[in-house]
């Protein structure tokens, strides 16, 4: 069976099964200082297994995508917004065009400097 004919999700699943118990590969992943180094180790493992995964496949498919964000110390969720990180960043072109259109806006809030943020009510759990 040609492994490269499988879907990306299935090939990622096979990679994860191969990593389970692979002590040297797991130690190499643990020694990586950032997500890019992790990608190199994972691409090498994919190549050895004949899975044909690309850097983009690994960057965009969970759970490896989440491992890379964690290694880069990037949040998976932003407090106050229930959207997962990959949905928040789904359209980077739109965010870039908004920043170019109004360079005076705050990059984090999208508001003009000094503009008040709308407060959300928290009803609490008690």
N, C-alpha and C. Protein backbone atom coordinates (compact mmCIF):
# COMPACT_ATOMS: atom_id res chain seq x y z
N UNK A 1 0.84 -1.19 0.00
CA UNK A 1 0.00 0.00 0.00
C UNK A 1 0.88 1.25 0.00
N UNK A 2 0.54 2.20 -0.84
CA UNK A 2 1.29 3.45 -0.93
C UNK A 2 0.83 4.39 0.17
N UNK A 3 1.70 4.67 1.13
CA UNK A 3 1.34 5.51 2.27
C UNK A 3 1.05 6.94 1.86
N UNK A 4 1.67 7.41 0.79
CA UNK A 4 1.47 8.79 0.36
C UNK A 4 0.09 9.00 -0.26
N UNK A 5 -0.62 7.93 -0.57
CA UNK A 5 -1.97 8.08 -1.11
C UNK A 5 -3.01 8.28 -0.01
N UNK A 6 -2.61 8.10 1.25
CA UNK A 6 -3.52 8.32 2.38
C UNK A 6 -3.74 9.82 2.60
N UNK A 7 -4.80 10.15 3.31
CA UNK A 7 -5.04 11.56 3.62
C UNK A 7 -3.98 12.07 4.60
N UNK A 8 -3.85 13.37 4.69
CA UNK A 8 -2.85 13.97 5.59
C UNK A 8 -3.12 13.54 7.03
N UNK A 9 -4.37 13.53 7.44
CA UNK A 9 -4.71 13.13 8.81
C UNK A 9 -4.30 11.70 9.10
N UNK A 10 -4.49 10.81 8.14
CA UNK A 10 -4.09 9.42 8.33
C UNK A 10 -2.58 9.28 8.40
N UNK A 11 -1.87 10.05 7.57
CA UNK A 11 -0.41 9.99 7.59
C UNK A 11 0.14 10.57 8.90
N UNK A 12 -0.50 11.63 9.41
CA UNK A 12 -0.09 12.19 10.71
C UNK A 12 -0.32 11.14 11.79
N UNK A 13 -1.45 10.44 11.72
CA UNK A 13 -1.73 9.39 12.69
C UNK A 13 -0.68 8.29 12.67
N UNK A 14 -0.23 7.92 11.48
CA UNK A 14 0.83 6.91 11.37
C UNK A 14 2.15 7.43 11.95
N UNK A 15 2.44 8.71 11.72
CA UNK A 15 3.64 9.31 12.28
C UNK A 15 3.58 9.29 13.81
N UNK A 16 2.42 9.62 14.36
CA UNK A 16 2.27 9.63 15.82
C UNK A 16 2.45 8.23 16.39
N UNK A 17 1.90 7.22 15.72
CA UNK A 17 2.07 5.84 16.18
C UNK A 17 3.55 5.45 16.14
N UNK A 18 4.25 5.88 15.12
CA UNK A 18 5.67 5.57 15.00
C UNK A 18 6.49 6.29 16.09
N UNK A 19 6.05 7.49 16.48
CA UNK A 19 6.77 8.25 17.51
C UNK A 19 6.55 7.66 18.90
N UNK A 20 5.43 6.97 19.09
CA UNK A 20 5.12 6.38 20.39
C UNK A 20 6.13 5.28 20.68
N UNK A 21 6.98 5.53 21.64
CA UNK A 21 8.00 4.55 22.00
C UNK A 21 9.33 4.72 21.29
N UNK A 22 9.41 5.66 20.36
CA UNK A 22 10.68 5.91 19.66
C UNK A 22 11.53 6.85 20.53
N UNK A 23 12.33 6.26 21.39
CA UNK A 23 13.05 7.01 22.41
C UNK A 23 13.98 8.07 21.82
N UNK A 24 14.78 7.71 20.83
CA UNK A 24 15.75 8.68 20.27
C UNK A 24 15.03 9.86 19.62
N UNK A 25 13.96 9.58 18.88
CA UNK A 25 13.23 10.67 18.22
C UNK A 25 12.57 11.57 19.26
N UNK A 26 11.99 10.96 20.28
CA UNK A 26 11.35 11.76 21.33
C UNK A 26 12.36 12.61 22.10
N UNK A 27 13.54 12.06 22.33
CA UNK A 27 14.59 12.85 22.99
C UNK A 27 15.04 14.00 22.09
N UNK A 28 15.13 13.75 20.80
CA UNK A 28 15.51 14.82 19.86
C UNK A 28 14.44 15.91 19.85
N UNK A 29 13.17 15.52 19.88
CA UNK A 29 12.09 16.52 19.92
C UNK A 29 12.15 17.33 21.21
N UNK A 30 12.47 16.67 22.32
CA UNK A 30 12.54 17.36 23.61
C UNK A 30 13.71 18.35 23.64
N UNK A 31 14.79 18.06 22.94
CA UNK A 31 15.96 18.95 22.92
C UNK A 31 15.77 20.16 22.00
N UNK A 32 14.77 20.13 21.14
CA UNK A 32 14.56 21.24 20.20
C UNK A 32 14.26 22.52 20.96
N UNK A 33 14.85 23.61 20.51
CA UNK A 33 14.65 24.89 21.19
C UNK A 33 13.42 25.65 20.68
N UNK A 34 12.95 25.30 19.47
CA UNK A 34 11.76 25.98 18.95
C UNK A 34 11.03 25.06 17.98
N UNK A 35 9.92 25.55 17.47
CA UNK A 35 9.08 24.77 16.58
C UNK A 35 9.74 24.42 15.27
N UNK A 36 10.61 25.28 14.76
CA UNK A 36 11.29 25.01 13.49
C UNK A 36 12.21 23.79 13.60
N UNK A 37 12.91 23.69 14.72
CA UNK A 37 13.76 22.52 14.93
C UNK A 37 12.91 21.26 15.05
N UNK A 38 11.75 21.37 15.70
CA UNK A 38 10.84 20.23 15.81
C UNK A 38 10.39 19.79 14.42
N UNK A 39 10.08 20.76 13.57
CA UNK A 39 9.65 20.43 12.22
C UNK A 39 10.72 19.65 11.47
N UNK A 40 11.97 20.02 11.65
CA UNK A 40 13.06 19.31 10.98
C UNK A 40 13.12 17.85 11.43
N UNK A 41 12.99 17.62 12.74
CA UNK A 41 13.02 16.25 13.27
C UNK A 41 11.83 15.46 12.74
N UNK A 42 10.65 16.09 12.75
CA UNK A 42 9.44 15.40 12.28
C UNK A 42 9.48 15.14 10.78
N UNK A 43 10.02 16.09 10.01
CA UNK A 43 10.15 15.87 8.57
C UNK A 43 11.10 14.71 8.27
N UNK A 44 12.18 14.63 9.05
CA UNK A 44 13.13 13.53 8.88
C UNK A 44 12.46 12.20 9.20
N UNK A 45 11.66 12.16 10.29
CA UNK A 45 10.95 10.93 10.66
C UNK A 45 9.94 10.56 9.57
N UNK A 46 9.24 11.55 9.03
CA UNK A 46 8.27 11.30 7.97
C UNK A 46 8.96 10.74 6.72
N UNK A 47 10.12 11.28 6.41
CA UNK A 47 10.87 10.82 5.23
C UNK A 47 11.31 9.38 5.42
N UNK A 48 11.82 9.05 6.61
CA UNK A 48 12.28 7.69 6.87
C UNK A 48 11.13 6.68 6.80
N UNK A 49 9.93 7.12 7.20
CA UNK A 49 8.76 6.23 7.17
C UNK A 49 8.09 6.19 5.80
N UNK A 50 8.49 7.10 4.91
CA UNK A 50 7.91 7.15 3.57
C UNK A 50 6.51 7.75 3.55
N UNK A 51 6.24 8.65 4.51
CA UNK A 51 4.90 9.25 4.60
C UNK A 51 4.72 10.44 3.67
N UNK A 52 5.79 11.09 3.28
CA UNK A 52 5.70 12.21 2.34
C UNK A 52 5.00 13.43 2.89
N UNK A 53 5.08 13.65 4.21
CA UNK A 53 4.47 14.84 4.80
C UNK A 53 5.33 16.06 4.50
N UNK A 54 4.69 17.18 4.28
CA UNK A 54 5.40 18.43 4.02
C UNK A 54 5.45 19.27 5.29
N UNK A 55 6.27 20.28 5.26
CA UNK A 55 6.37 21.21 6.39
C UNK A 55 4.99 21.84 6.65
N UNK A 56 4.28 22.21 5.58
CA UNK A 56 2.96 22.82 5.72
C UNK A 56 1.96 21.85 6.34
N UNK A 57 2.02 20.56 5.94
CA UNK A 57 1.14 19.55 6.53
C UNK A 57 1.34 19.49 8.04
N UNK A 58 2.58 19.49 8.47
CA UNK A 58 2.89 19.40 9.89
C UNK A 58 2.48 20.67 10.64
N UNK A 59 2.67 21.82 10.01
CA UNK A 59 2.34 23.09 10.66
C UNK A 59 0.84 23.31 10.83
N UNK A 60 0.03 22.68 9.99
CA UNK A 60 -1.40 22.99 10.01
C UNK A 60 -2.29 21.86 10.50
N UNK A 61 -1.72 20.70 10.83
CA UNK A 61 -2.54 19.56 11.23
C UNK A 61 -2.33 19.26 12.71
N UNK A 62 -3.44 19.23 13.49
CA UNK A 62 -3.31 18.86 14.89
C UNK A 62 -2.97 17.38 15.00
N UNK A 63 -2.34 16.94 16.02
CA UNK A 63 -1.85 17.65 17.20
C UNK A 63 -0.45 18.24 17.02
N UNK A 64 0.21 17.93 15.92
CA UNK A 64 1.57 18.43 15.73
C UNK A 64 1.59 19.94 15.66
N UNK A 65 0.58 20.54 15.00
CA UNK A 65 0.48 21.99 14.96
C UNK A 65 0.49 22.57 16.37
N UNK A 66 -0.23 21.92 17.29
CA UNK A 66 -0.32 22.40 18.66
C UNK A 66 1.01 22.21 19.40
N UNK A 67 1.73 21.13 19.10
CA UNK A 67 3.04 20.93 19.71
C UNK A 67 3.99 22.06 19.31
N UNK A 68 3.92 22.45 18.05
CA UNK A 68 4.80 23.51 17.55
C UNK A 68 4.46 24.83 18.23
N UNK A 69 3.16 25.13 18.34
CA UNK A 69 2.76 26.36 19.05
C UNK A 69 3.23 26.32 20.49
N UNK A 70 3.10 25.15 21.12
CA UNK A 70 3.51 25.04 22.53
C UNK A 70 5.02 25.24 22.65
N UNK A 71 5.79 24.66 21.75
CA UNK A 71 7.24 24.79 21.79
C UNK A 71 7.66 26.24 21.57
N UNK A 72 6.90 26.96 20.71
CA UNK A 72 7.18 28.37 20.47
C UNK A 72 6.59 29.27 21.53
N UNK A 73 5.94 28.66 22.52
CA UNK A 73 5.30 29.37 23.63
C UNK A 73 4.22 30.33 23.14
N UNK A 74 3.46 29.87 22.14
CA UNK A 74 2.34 30.62 21.64
C UNK A 74 1.06 30.02 22.23
N UNK A 75 0.13 30.86 22.58
CA UNK A 75 -1.11 30.39 23.19
C UNK A 75 -2.01 29.71 22.17
N UNK A 76 -2.66 28.62 22.59
CA UNK A 76 -3.64 27.96 21.73
C UNK A 76 -4.97 28.70 21.78
N UNK A 77 -5.28 29.30 22.91
CA UNK A 77 -6.49 30.10 23.07
C UNK A 77 -6.10 31.46 23.62
N UNK A 78 -6.83 32.47 23.25
CA UNK A 78 -6.62 33.79 23.79
C UNK A 78 -7.71 34.04 24.82
N UNK A 79 -7.34 34.41 26.02
CA UNK A 79 -8.32 34.63 27.07
C UNK A 79 -9.29 35.72 26.63
N UNK A 80 -10.56 35.47 26.84
CA UNK A 80 -11.59 36.42 26.46
C UNK A 80 -12.16 36.15 25.08
N UNK A 81 -11.55 35.25 24.35
CA UNK A 81 -12.03 34.89 23.04
C UNK A 81 -12.02 33.37 22.96
N UNK A 82 -13.15 32.78 22.72
CA UNK A 82 -13.24 31.33 22.78
C UNK A 82 -12.83 30.65 21.48
N UNK A 83 -12.29 31.40 20.54
CA UNK A 83 -11.85 30.82 19.28
C UNK A 83 -10.48 30.19 19.46
N UNK A 84 -10.27 28.96 18.97
CA UNK A 84 -8.92 28.40 18.99
C UNK A 84 -7.99 29.25 18.14
N UNK A 85 -6.72 29.19 18.44
CA UNK A 85 -5.72 30.04 17.80
C UNK A 85 -5.75 29.92 16.27
N UNK A 86 -5.90 28.68 15.77
CA UNK A 86 -5.85 28.51 14.33
C UNK A 86 -7.03 29.17 13.64
N UNK A 87 -8.17 29.37 14.34
CA UNK A 87 -9.30 30.07 13.75
C UNK A 87 -9.11 31.58 13.84
N UNK A 88 -8.44 32.05 14.88
CA UNK A 88 -8.18 33.47 15.02
C UNK A 88 -7.26 33.95 13.91
N UNK A 89 -6.30 33.11 13.57
CA UNK A 89 -5.30 33.48 12.57
C UNK A 89 -5.65 32.97 11.19
N UNK A 90 -6.91 32.59 10.98
CA UNK A 90 -7.32 31.94 9.75
C UNK A 90 -7.12 32.82 8.52
N UNK A 91 -7.23 34.12 8.66
CA UNK A 91 -7.10 34.99 7.51
C UNK A 91 -6.06 36.07 7.78
N UNK A 92 -4.78 35.72 7.73
CA UNK A 92 -3.75 36.71 8.01
C UNK A 92 -3.71 37.84 6.98
N UNK A 93 -4.18 37.58 5.76
CA UNK A 93 -4.18 38.63 4.74
C UNK A 93 -5.14 39.74 5.14
N UNK A 94 -6.29 39.36 5.71
CA UNK A 94 -7.26 40.36 6.15
C UNK A 94 -6.68 41.21 7.28
N UNK A 95 -6.00 40.58 8.23
CA UNK A 95 -5.40 41.32 9.34
C UNK A 95 -4.31 42.27 8.84
N UNK A 96 -3.52 41.80 7.87
CA UNK A 96 -2.46 42.65 7.31
C UNK A 96 -3.05 43.83 6.55
N UNK A 97 -4.14 43.60 5.80
CA UNK A 97 -4.74 44.69 5.05
C UNK A 97 -5.38 45.71 5.99
N UNK A 98 -5.93 45.25 7.11
CA UNK A 98 -6.51 46.17 8.08
C UNK A 98 -5.41 47.02 8.72
N UNK A 99 -4.27 46.41 9.00
CA UNK A 99 -3.16 47.15 9.61
C UNK A 99 -2.61 48.19 8.64
N UNK A 100 -2.56 47.84 7.35
CA UNK A 100 -2.08 48.80 6.35
C UNK A 100 -3.07 49.94 6.16
N UNK A 101 -4.37 49.61 6.22
CA UNK A 101 -5.41 50.62 6.00
C UNK A 101 -5.38 51.68 7.09
N UNK A 102 -5.14 51.28 8.33
CA UNK A 102 -5.12 52.23 9.44
C UNK A 102 -3.95 51.91 10.36
N UNK A 103 -2.77 52.45 10.06
CA UNK A 103 -1.59 52.11 10.86
C UNK A 103 -1.67 52.65 12.28
N UNK A 104 -2.62 53.52 12.58
CA UNK A 104 -2.74 54.07 13.91
C UNK A 104 -3.48 53.15 14.88
N UNK A 105 -4.03 52.05 14.39
CA UNK A 105 -4.77 51.15 15.27
C UNK A 105 -3.82 50.29 16.07
N UNK A 106 -4.26 49.93 17.23
CA UNK A 106 -3.52 49.03 18.09
C UNK A 106 -3.60 47.63 17.49
N UNK A 107 -2.47 46.96 17.31
CA UNK A 107 -2.46 45.64 16.67
C UNK A 107 -3.20 44.59 17.49
N UNK A 108 -3.18 44.69 18.81
CA UNK A 108 -3.82 43.66 19.62
C UNK A 108 -5.32 43.87 19.71
N UNK A 109 -5.77 45.10 19.87
CA UNK A 109 -7.20 45.34 20.06
C UNK A 109 -7.90 45.74 18.79
N UNK A 110 -7.16 46.27 17.81
CA UNK A 110 -7.78 46.73 16.58
C UNK A 110 -8.46 48.09 16.74
N UNK A 111 -8.24 48.74 17.88
CA UNK A 111 -8.85 50.04 18.14
C UNK A 111 -7.81 51.15 18.01
N UNK A 112 -8.31 52.35 17.79
CA UNK A 112 -7.43 53.50 17.74
C UNK A 112 -6.82 53.70 19.13
N UNK A 113 -5.60 54.25 19.21
CA UNK A 113 -4.98 54.48 20.52
C UNK A 113 -5.89 55.33 21.39
N UNK A 114 -6.06 54.92 22.64
CA UNK A 114 -6.89 55.66 23.59
C UNK A 114 -8.36 55.29 23.52
N UNK A 115 -8.77 54.51 22.55
CA UNK A 115 -10.18 54.12 22.47
C UNK A 115 -10.50 53.14 23.58
N UNK A 116 -11.66 53.30 24.16
CA UNK A 116 -12.07 52.44 25.28
C UNK A 116 -12.52 51.08 24.76
N UNK A 117 -12.13 50.05 25.46
CA UNK A 117 -12.58 48.71 25.13
C UNK A 117 -13.97 48.48 25.72
N UNK A 118 -14.79 47.77 24.98
CA UNK A 118 -16.11 47.42 25.50
C UNK A 118 -15.92 46.36 26.57
N UNK A 119 -16.49 46.60 27.73
CA UNK A 119 -16.36 45.67 28.84
C UNK A 119 -17.42 44.60 28.73
N UNK A 120 -17.03 43.38 28.98
CA UNK A 120 -17.97 42.27 28.99
C UNK A 120 -18.31 41.94 30.42
N UNK A 121 -19.56 41.63 30.65
CA UNK A 121 -19.99 41.27 32.00
C UNK A 121 -19.63 39.82 32.27
N UNK A 122 -19.11 39.59 33.44
CA UNK A 122 -18.83 38.24 33.87
C UNK A 122 -19.77 37.93 35.01
N UNK A 123 -20.64 36.98 34.80
CA UNK A 123 -21.65 36.66 35.79
C UNK A 123 -21.10 35.72 36.87
N UNK A 124 -20.02 35.11 36.63
CA UNK A 124 -19.38 34.25 37.63
C UNK A 124 -20.03 32.89 37.73
N UNK A 125 -19.43 32.08 38.53
CA UNK A 125 -19.91 30.71 38.71
C UNK A 125 -20.56 30.52 40.07
N UNK A 126 -20.57 31.53 40.89
CA UNK A 126 -21.09 31.39 42.25
C UNK A 126 -22.47 31.96 42.40
